[in-house]
Amino acid sequence: MATNRSRRLRKKLCVDEFQELGFEVTLTYVEGIDAAAVDTFLEAFLVEAMEANGLGYIGGEDYGFVCLGKRGSVSEEQRGQVEAWLKGRSELAEFSVSPLMDVWYPENEINVKA
C-alpha cells in the first residue's frame, strides 16, 4: 500500500490530516414504550441533539453513526453534548456512545494532532 501520497489524494481519500471523526450511538428504550413515543424521541434527538450541535445522524431508531453535518470532524465537546442530552431522556433504558473514530475507515487509529 502506498504511503507517499500527494496532498490532493490524501484529501480525496480522507486520510492523514484530512481524517474525519465521528462516533456510534446505540439506544435501548424502556420496556413497553410505544412507536409514537419512539418517533417523538427521535424527532427531538434529531433537532435538539444533532442539528443544534451541527451534527448529522445516519442510522435507525436503535443504532446509528454521528458525524459532522459538513466536511470535517466531530469534536470531543460535541460528543459530550450528545451524551449529556441522552442522559436526560426518560425514554431510554440505556444507551452507549462510542469514543471518536474514523468515519471513513473505522479500523484505522485516530491521528493525534501535535
Protein backbone atom coordinates (compact mmCIF):
# COMPACT_ATOMS: atom_id res chain seq x y z
CA MET A 1 0.00 0.00 0.00
CA ALA A 2 1.37 3.39 -0.98
CA THR A 3 2.21 5.67 1.91
CA ASN A 4 3.72 8.52 -0.11
CA ARG A 5 0.50 10.14 -1.37
CA SER A 6 0.01 13.64 -2.74
CA ARG A 7 -1.97 16.16 -0.70
CA ARG A 8 -4.76 16.02 -3.28
CA LEU A 9 -5.04 12.24 -2.99
CA ARG A 10 -4.92 12.33 0.84
CA LYS A 11 -7.80 14.82 0.81
CA LYS A 12 -9.80 12.74 -1.66
CA LEU A 13 -9.27 9.59 0.46
CA CYS A 14 -9.93 11.44 3.77
CA VAL A 15 -6.70 10.19 5.32
CA ASP A 16 -3.84 11.68 7.35
CA GLU A 17 -4.53 15.38 8.02
CA PHE A 18 -7.92 15.05 6.27
CA GLN A 19 -9.19 12.25 8.54
CA GLU A 20 -12.80 12.81 9.65
CA LEU A 21 -14.06 11.67 13.06
CA GLY A 22 -17.49 10.63 14.30
CA PHE A 23 -19.00 8.18 16.80
CA GLU A 24 -21.55 5.40 17.13
CA VAL A 25 -24.73 5.60 19.22
CA THR A 26 -26.69 2.58 20.47
CA LEU A 27 -30.11 3.16 22.06
CA THR A 28 -32.22 0.79 24.17
CA TYR A 29 -35.72 2.00 25.01
CA VAL A 30 -37.64 1.38 28.23
CA GLU A 31 -39.86 -1.68 28.32
CA GLY A 32 -43.31 -1.14 26.81
CA ILE A 33 -42.65 2.16 25.02
CA ASP A 34 -44.97 2.64 22.06
CA ALA A 35 -43.99 3.55 18.49
CA ALA A 36 -45.39 7.09 18.79
CA ALA A 37 -43.15 7.81 21.80
CA VAL A 38 -40.11 6.47 19.94
CA ASP A 39 -40.93 8.71 16.95
CA THR A 40 -41.30 11.73 19.25
CA PHE A 41 -37.97 10.90 20.91
CA LEU A 42 -36.19 10.54 17.56
CA GLU A 43 -37.60 13.85 16.31
CA ALA A 44 -36.35 15.60 19.46
CA PHE A 45 -32.98 13.81 19.16
CA LEU A 46 -32.51 14.99 15.58
CA VAL A 47 -33.49 18.59 16.31
CA GLU A 48 -32.09 19.16 19.82
CA ALA A 49 -29.00 16.94 19.89
CA MET A 50 -27.98 16.70 16.23
CA GLU A 51 -28.99 19.87 14.36
CA ALA A 52 -28.39 22.14 17.38
CA ASN A 53 -24.77 20.92 17.52
CA GLY A 54 -24.14 20.97 13.75
CA LEU A 55 -24.16 17.18 13.54
CA GLY A 56 -25.70 14.61 11.23
CA TYR A 57 -27.17 11.21 12.16
CA ILE A 58 -27.11 8.17 9.91
CA GLY A 59 -28.99 5.16 11.17
CA GLY A 60 -32.22 3.93 12.66
CA GLU A 61 -34.14 4.10 15.89
CA ASP A 62 -31.77 1.87 17.88
CA TYR A 63 -28.33 2.31 16.28
CA GLY A 64 -26.60 4.96 14.21
CA PHE A 65 -23.49 6.92 13.44
CA VAL A 66 -22.97 10.59 14.22
CA CYS A 67 -20.76 12.74 12.02
CA LEU A 68 -20.36 16.43 11.31
CA GLY A 69 -23.13 17.94 9.19
CA LYS A 70 -20.47 19.23 6.79
CA ARG A 71 -16.96 18.13 5.88
CA GLY A 72 -14.79 17.77 8.97
CA SER A 73 -14.66 16.04 12.33
CA VAL A 74 -16.88 15.85 15.39
CA SER A 75 -15.14 17.31 18.44
CA GLU A 76 -14.94 15.64 21.83
CA GLU A 77 -17.07 18.53 23.14
CA GLN A 78 -19.86 17.80 20.62
CA ARG A 79 -19.71 14.11 21.53
CA GLY A 80 -20.09 15.06 25.20
CA GLN A 81 -23.07 17.30 24.44
CA VAL A 82 -24.89 14.44 22.71
CA GLU A 83 -24.08 12.08 25.58
CA ALA A 84 -25.35 14.63 28.13
CA TRP A 85 -28.57 15.10 26.13
CA LEU A 86 -29.16 11.33 26.05
CA LYS A 87 -28.58 11.04 29.84
CA GLY A 88 -31.54 13.31 30.48
CA ARG A 89 -34.04 11.23 28.49
CA SER A 90 -36.59 9.05 30.30
CA GLU A 91 -37.46 7.11 27.11
CA LEU A 92 -34.13 5.26 27.26
CA ALA A 93 -33.39 2.27 29.47
CA GLU A 94 -29.74 2.55 28.45
CA PHE A 95 -27.52 3.90 25.70
CA SER A 96 -23.91 3.83 24.63
CA VAL A 97 -21.80 6.41 22.86
CA SER A 98 -18.55 5.13 21.37
CA PRO A 99 -15.25 7.01 21.50
CA LEU A 100 -14.42 9.12 18.46
CA MET A 101 -13.44 7.04 15.46
CA ASP A 102 -12.50 7.45 11.80
CA VAL A 103 -15.71 7.93 9.78
CA TRP A 104 -14.35 6.50 6.53
CA TYR A 105 -12.01 3.82 7.88
CA PRO A 106 -13.29 2.74 11.34
CA GLU A 107 -10.48 0.19 11.70
CA ASN A 108 -7.82 2.95 11.48
CA GLU A 109 -6.44 4.69 14.53
CA ILE A 110 -7.19 8.36 15.15
CA ASN A 111 -4.42 10.74 14.09
CA VAL A 112 -3.07 12.67 17.05
CA LYS A 113 -2.52 16.31 16.09
CA ALA A 114 0.52 17.89 17.65
